[in-house]
Amino acid sequence: MVTCEMDDDQAKLLLNVLERYHSHLEVEIVRTNRREFREALKEREKQLKALVEKVKALVK
């Protein structure tokens, strides 16, 4: 298990960065022609969504 300490402002910034990356990732998934690469991107998106939810739970 990995732990990381940050204050509320840092957690909000991290959440913002993750959400922005997610929107870019969604566009990349739509524009990708290679099925194997698209599937890898979808798996990354699944992991990213889980991470976003964890950070959301921490942000006050």
PDB file of N, CA and C in Angstrom:
ATOM      1  N   MET A   1       0.850  -1.180   0.000  1.00  0.00           N
ATOM      2  CA  MET A   1       0.000   0.000   0.000  1.00  0.00           C
ATOM      3  C   MET A   1       0.893   1.240   0.000  1.00  0.00           C
ATOM      4  N   VAL A   2       0.504   2.197  -0.787  1.00  0.00           N
ATOM      5  CA  VAL A   2       1.215   3.469  -0.872  1.00  0.00           C
ATOM      6  C   VAL A   2       0.366   4.533  -0.196  1.00  0.00           C
ATOM      7  N   THR A   3       0.992   5.390   0.583  1.00  0.00           N
ATOM      8  CA  THR A   3       0.272   6.491   1.207  1.00  0.00           C
ATOM      9  C   THR A   3       0.902   7.807   0.788  1.00  0.00           C
ATOM     10  N   CYS A   4       0.115   8.848   0.851  1.00  0.00           N
ATOM     11  CA  CYS A   4       0.584  10.176   0.461  1.00  0.00           C
ATOM     12  C   CYS A   4      -0.166  11.200   1.293  1.00  0.00           C
ATOM     13  N   GLU A   5       0.560  12.108   1.894  1.00  0.00           N
ATOM     14  CA  GLU A   5      -0.070  13.158   2.681  1.00  0.00           C
ATOM     15  C   GLU A   5      -0.099  14.446   1.872  1.00  0.00           C
ATOM     16  N   MET A   6      -1.239  15.139   1.936  1.00  0.00           N
ATOM     17  CA  MET A   6      -1.373  16.427   1.263  1.00  0.00           C
ATOM     18  C   MET A   6      -2.443  17.230   1.972  1.00  0.00           C
ATOM     19  N   ASP A   7      -2.386  18.540   1.797  1.00  0.00           N
ATOM     20  CA  ASP A   7      -3.422  19.373   2.403  1.00  0.00           C
ATOM     21  C   ASP A   7      -4.627  19.442   1.457  1.00  0.00           C
ATOM     22  N   ASP A   8      -5.689  20.091   1.908  1.00  0.00           N
ATOM     23  CA  ASP A   8      -6.925  20.149   1.119  1.00  0.00           C
ATOM     24  C   ASP A   8      -6.724  20.792  -0.248  1.00  0.00           C
ATOM     25  N   ASP A   9      -5.947  21.865  -0.293  1.00  0.00           N
ATOM     26  CA  ASP A   9      -5.710  22.534  -1.580  1.00  0.00           C
ATOM     27  C   ASP A   9      -4.975  21.617  -2.551  1.00  0.00           C
ATOM     28  N   GLN A  10      -4.023  20.876  -2.065  1.00  0.00           N
ATOM     29  CA  GLN A  10      -3.291  19.948  -2.924  1.00  0.00           C
ATOM     30  C   GLN A  10      -4.205  18.828  -3.416  1.00  0.00           C
ATOM     31  N   ALA A  11      -5.078  18.338  -2.540  1.00  0.00           N
ATOM     32  CA  ALA A  11      -6.007  17.285  -2.938  1.00  0.00           C
ATOM     33  C   ALA A  11      -6.975  17.795  -4.004  1.00  0.00           C
ATOM     34  N   LYS A  12      -7.440  19.030  -3.853  1.00  0.00           N
ATOM     35  CA  LYS A  12      -8.335  19.617  -4.857  1.00  0.00           C
ATOM     36  C   LYS A  12      -7.616  19.790  -6.186  1.00  0.00           C
ATOM     37  N   LEU A  13      -6.363  20.204  -6.132  1.00  0.00           N
ATOM     38  CA  LEU A  13      -5.572  20.345  -7.353  1.00  0.00           C
ATOM     39  C   LEU A  13      -5.376  18.996  -8.027  1.00  0.00           C
ATOM     40  N   LEU A  14      -5.043  17.989  -7.247  1.00  0.00           N
ATOM     41  CA  LEU A  14      -4.879  16.645  -7.796  1.00  0.00           C
ATOM     42  C   LEU A  14      -6.163  16.171  -8.458  1.00  0.00           C
ATOM     43  N   LEU A  15      -7.288  16.396  -7.806  1.00  0.00           N
ATOM     44  CA  LEU A  15      -8.578  16.008  -8.377  1.00  0.00           C
ATOM     45  C   LEU A  15      -8.821  16.722  -9.701  1.00  0.00           C
ATOM     46  N   ASN A  16      -8.518  18.006  -9.749  1.00  0.00           N
ATOM     47  CA  ASN A  16      -8.686  18.784 -10.975  1.00  0.00           C
ATOM     48  C   ASN A  16      -7.812  18.232 -12.098  1.00  0.00           C
ATOM     49  N   VAL A  17      -6.570  17.916 -11.795  1.00  0.00           N
ATOM     50  CA  VAL A  17      -5.647  17.372 -12.805  1.00  0.00           C
ATOM     51  C   VAL A  17      -6.154  16.021 -13.302  1.00  0.00           C
ATOM     52  N   LEU A  18      -6.591  15.177 -12.397  1.00  0.00           N
ATOM     53  CA  LEU A  18      -7.095  13.856 -12.797  1.00  0.00           C
ATOM     54  C   LEU A  18      -8.344  13.972 -13.662  1.00  0.00           C
ATOM     55  N   GLU A  19      -9.242  14.863 -13.310  1.00  0.00           N
ATOM     56  CA  GLU A  19     -10.463  15.036 -14.104  1.00  0.00           C
ATOM     57  C   GLU A  19     -10.153  15.606 -15.485  1.00  0.00           C
ATOM     58  N   ARG A  20      -9.203  16.513 -15.565  1.00  0.00           N
ATOM     59  CA  ARG A  20      -8.817  17.046 -16.879  1.00  0.00           C
ATOM     60  C   ARG A  20      -8.194  15.956 -17.744  1.00  0.00           C
ATOM     61  N   TYR A  21      -7.330  15.151 -17.132  1.00  0.00           N
ATOM     62  CA  TYR A  21      -6.715  14.057 -17.872  1.00  0.00           C
ATOM     63  C   TYR A  21      -7.786  13.081 -18.360  1.00  0.00           C
ATOM     64  N   HIS A  22      -8.795  12.846 -17.524  1.00  0.00           N
ATOM     65  CA  HIS A  22      -9.864  11.932 -17.915  1.00  0.00           C
ATOM     66  C   HIS A  22     -10.593  12.426 -19.161  1.00  0.00           C
ATOM     67  N   SER A  23     -10.855  13.719 -19.217  1.00  0.00           N
ATOM     68  CA  SER A  23     -11.556  14.246 -20.395  1.00  0.00           C
ATOM     69  C   SER A  23     -10.691  14.099 -21.651  1.00  0.00           C
ATOM     70  N   HIS A  24      -9.390  14.288 -21.516  1.00  0.00           N
ATOM     71  CA  HIS A  24      -8.493  14.098 -22.662  1.00  0.00           C
ATOM     72  C   HIS A  24      -8.414  12.617 -23.049  1.00  0.00           C
ATOM     73  N   LEU A  25      -8.427  11.759 -22.051  1.00  0.00           N
ATOM     74  CA  LEU A  25      -8.371  10.324 -22.309  1.00  0.00           C
ATOM     75  C   LEU A  25      -9.619   9.852 -23.050  1.00  0.00           C
ATOM     76  N   GLU A  26     -10.768  10.391 -22.698  1.00  0.00           N
ATOM     77  CA  GLU A  26     -12.010  10.025 -23.396  1.00  0.00           C
ATOM     78  C   GLU A  26     -11.916  10.372 -24.880  1.00  0.00           C
ATOM     79  N   VAL A  27     -11.365  11.527 -25.198  1.00  0.00           N
ATOM     80  CA  VAL A  27     -11.202  11.933 -26.593  1.00  0.00           C
ATOM     81  C   VAL A  27     -10.230  10.994 -27.300  1.00  0.00           C
ATOM     82  N   GLU A  28      -9.148  10.657 -26.625  1.00  0.00           N
ATOM     83  CA  GLU A  28      -8.166   9.760 -27.229  1.00  0.00           C
ATOM     84  C   GLU A  28      -8.775   8.384 -27.505  1.00  0.00           C
ATOM     85  N   ILE A  29      -9.611   7.905 -26.606  1.00  0.00           N
ATOM     86  CA  ILE A  29     -10.268   6.609 -26.811  1.00  0.00           C
ATOM     87  C   ILE A  29     -11.144   6.654 -28.061  1.00  0.00           C
ATOM     88  N   VAL A  30     -11.906   7.714 -28.217  1.00  0.00           N
ATOM     89  CA  VAL A  30     -12.800   7.847 -29.377  1.00  0.00           C
ATOM     90  C   VAL A  30     -12.011   7.923 -30.679  1.00  0.00           C
ATOM     91  N   ARG A  31     -10.894   8.600 -30.656  1.00  0.00           N
ATOM     92  CA  ARG A  31     -10.113   8.820 -31.882  1.00  0.00           C
ATOM     93  C   ARG A  31      -9.162   7.674 -32.232  1.00  0.00           C
ATOM     94  N   THR A  32      -9.003   6.719 -31.341  1.00  0.00           N
ATOM     95  CA  THR A  32      -8.057   5.627 -31.574  1.00  0.00           C
ATOM     96  C   THR A  32      -8.667   4.582 -32.489  1.00  0.00           C
ATOM     97  N   ASN A  33      -7.917   4.221 -33.506  1.00  0.00           N
ATOM     98  CA  ASN A  33      -8.394   3.235 -34.474  1.00  0.00           C
ATOM     99  C   ASN A  33      -7.996   1.804 -34.118  1.00  0.00           C
ATOM    100  N   ARG A  34      -6.827   1.649 -33.505  1.00  0.00           N
ATOM    101  CA  ARG A  34      -6.353   0.301 -33.180  1.00  0.00           C
ATOM    102  C   ARG A  34      -7.098  -0.247 -31.970  1.00  0.00           C
ATOM    103  N   ARG A  35      -7.753  -1.376 -32.175  1.00  0.00           N
ATOM    104  CA  ARG A  35      -8.577  -1.977 -31.132  1.00  0.00           C
ATOM    105  C   ARG A  35      -7.787  -2.309 -29.878  1.00  0.00           C
ATOM    106  N   GLU A  36      -6.577  -2.858 -30.038  1.00  0.00           N
ATOM    107  CA  GLU A  36      -5.769  -3.247 -28.879  1.00  0.00           C
ATOM    108  C   GLU A  36      -5.408  -2.021 -28.037  1.00  0.00           C
ATOM    109  N   PHE A  37      -5.036  -0.944 -28.711  1.00  0.00           N
ATOM    110  CA  PHE A  37      -4.661   0.274 -28.002  1.00  0.00           C
ATOM    111  C   PHE A  37      -5.882   0.888 -27.316  1.00  0.00           C
ATOM    112  N   ARG A  38      -7.025   0.866 -28.002  1.00  0.00           N
ATOM    113  CA  ARG A  38      -8.260   1.397 -27.424  1.00  0.00           C
ATOM    114  C   ARG A  38      -8.634   0.626 -26.159  1.00  0.00           C
ATOM    115  N   GLU A  39      -8.487  -0.685 -26.190  1.00  0.00           N
ATOM    116  CA  GLU A  39      -8.793  -1.493 -25.012  1.00  0.00           C
ATOM    117  C   GLU A  39      -7.850  -1.159 -23.855  1.00  0.00           C
ATOM    118  N   ALA A  40      -6.591  -0.925 -24.155  1.00  0.00           N
ATOM    119  CA  ALA A  40      -5.630  -0.533 -23.116  1.00  0.00           C
ATOM    120  C   ALA A  40      -6.008   0.826 -22.533  1.00  0.00           C
ATOM    121  N   LEU A  41      -6.444   1.741 -23.378  1.00  0.00           N
ATOM    122  CA  LEU A  41      -6.869   3.056 -22.905  1.00  0.00           C
ATOM    123  C   LEU A  41      -8.130   2.949 -22.041  1.00  0.00           C
ATOM    124  N   LYS A  42      -9.031   2.063 -22.416  1.00  0.00           N
ATOM    125  CA  LYS A  42     -10.249   1.873 -21.620  1.00  0.00           C
ATOM    126  C   LYS A  42      -9.916   1.308 -20.234  1.00  0.00           C
ATOM    127  N   GLU A  43      -8.929   0.434 -20.177  1.00  0.00           N
ATOM    128  CA  GLU A  43      -8.499  -0.095 -18.877  1.00  0.00           C
ATOM    129  C   GLU A  43      -7.878   1.017 -18.034  1.00  0.00           C
ATOM    130  N   ARG A  44      -7.091   1.867 -18.665  1.00  0.00           N
ATOM    131  CA  ARG A  44      -6.518   3.011 -17.951  1.00  0.00           C
ATOM    132  C   ARG A  44      -7.626   3.932 -17.447  1.00  0.00           C
ATOM    133  N   GLU A  45      -8.656   4.130 -18.275  1.00  0.00           N
ATOM    134  CA  GLU A  45      -9.776   4.976 -17.871  1.00  0.00           C
ATOM    135  C   GLU A  45     -10.495   4.377 -16.660  1.00  0.00           C
ATOM    136  N   LYS A  46     -10.667   3.078 -16.653  1.00  0.00           N
ATOM    137  CA  LYS A  46     -11.318   2.401 -15.529  1.00  0.00           C
ATOM    138  C   LYS A  46     -10.531   2.639 -14.238  1.00  0.00           C
ATOM    139  N   GLN A  47      -9.221   2.499 -14.311  1.00  0.00           N
ATOM    140  CA  GLN A  47      -8.371   2.734 -13.140  1.00  0.00           C
ATOM    141  C   GLN A  47      -8.399   4.203 -12.720  1.00  0.00           C
ATOM    142  N   LEU A  48      -8.413   5.080 -13.700  1.00  0.00           N
ATOM    143  CA  LEU A  48      -8.449   6.516 -13.417  1.00  0.00           C
ATOM    144  C   LEU A  48      -9.750   6.900 -12.722  1.00  0.00           C
ATOM    145  N   LYS A  49     -10.871   6.349 -13.177  1.00  0.00           N
ATOM    146  CA  LYS A  49     -12.156   6.637 -12.536  1.00  0.00           C
ATOM    147  C   LYS A  49     -12.140   6.210 -11.070  1.00  0.00           C
ATOM    148  N   ALA A  50     -11.558   5.068 -10.794  1.00  0.00           N
ATOM    149  CA  ALA A  50     -11.470   4.592  -9.411  1.00  0.00           C
ATOM    150  C   ALA A  50     -10.613   5.528  -8.574  1.00  0.00           C
ATOM    151  N   LEU A  51      -9.526   5.997  -9.144  1.00  0.00           N
ATOM    152  CA  LEU A  51      -8.648   6.927  -8.442  1.00  0.00           C
ATOM    153  C   LEU A  51      -9.348   8.256  -8.182  1.00  0.00           C
ATOM    154  N   VAL A  52     -10.078   8.744  -9.161  1.00  0.00           N
ATOM    155  CA  VAL A  52     -10.825   9.992  -8.999  1.00  0.00           C
ATOM    156  C   VAL A  52     -11.825   9.858  -7.854  1.00  0.00           C
ATOM    157  N   GLU A  53     -12.509   8.748  -7.782  1.00  0.00           N
ATOM    158  CA  GLU A  53     -13.480   8.537  -6.707  1.00  0.00           C
ATOM    159  C   GLU A  53     -12.796   8.522  -5.335  1.00  0.00           C
ATOM    160  N   LYS A  54     -11.625   7.925  -5.254  1.00  0.00           N
ATOM    161  CA  LYS A  54     -10.889   7.909  -3.978  1.00  0.00           C
ATOM    162  C   LYS A  54     -10.495   9.323  -3.560  1.00  0.00           C
ATOM    163  N   VAL A  55     -10.023  10.116  -4.517  1.00  0.00           N
ATOM    164  CA  VAL A  55      -9.607  11.471  -4.195  1.00  0.00           C
ATOM    165  C   VAL A  55     -10.828  12.321  -3.835  1.00  0.00           C
ATOM    166  N   LYS A  56     -11.935  12.126  -4.552  1.00  0.00           N
ATOM    167  CA  LYS A  56     -13.168  12.862  -4.240  1.00  0.00           C
ATOM    168  C   LYS A  56     -13.608  12.619  -2.800  1.00  0.00           C
ATOM    169  N   ALA A  57     -13.444  11.397  -2.337  1.00  0.00           N
ATOM    170  CA  ALA A  57     -13.840  11.052  -0.974  1.00  0.00           C
ATOM    171  C   ALA A  57     -12.983  11.779   0.061  1.00  0.00           C
ATOM    172  N   LEU A  58     -11.777  12.187  -0.324  1.00  0.00           N
ATOM    173  CA  LEU A  58     -10.872  12.860   0.594  1.00  0.00           C
ATOM    174  C   LEU A  58     -11.016  14.368   0.590  1.00  0.00           C
ATOM    175  N   VAL A  59     -11.506  14.916  -0.506  1.00  0.00           N
ATOM    176  CA  VAL A  59     -11.604  16.363  -0.654  1.00  0.00           C
ATOM    177  C   VAL A  59     -12.800  16.857   0.153  1.00  0.00           C
ATOM    178  N   LYS A  60     -12.561  17.863   0.940  1.00  0.00           N
ATOM    179  CA  LYS A  60     -13.626  18.404   1.811  1.00  0.00           C
ATOM    180  C   LYS A  60     -14.394  19.511   1.133  1.00  0.00           C
TER     181      LYS A  60
END
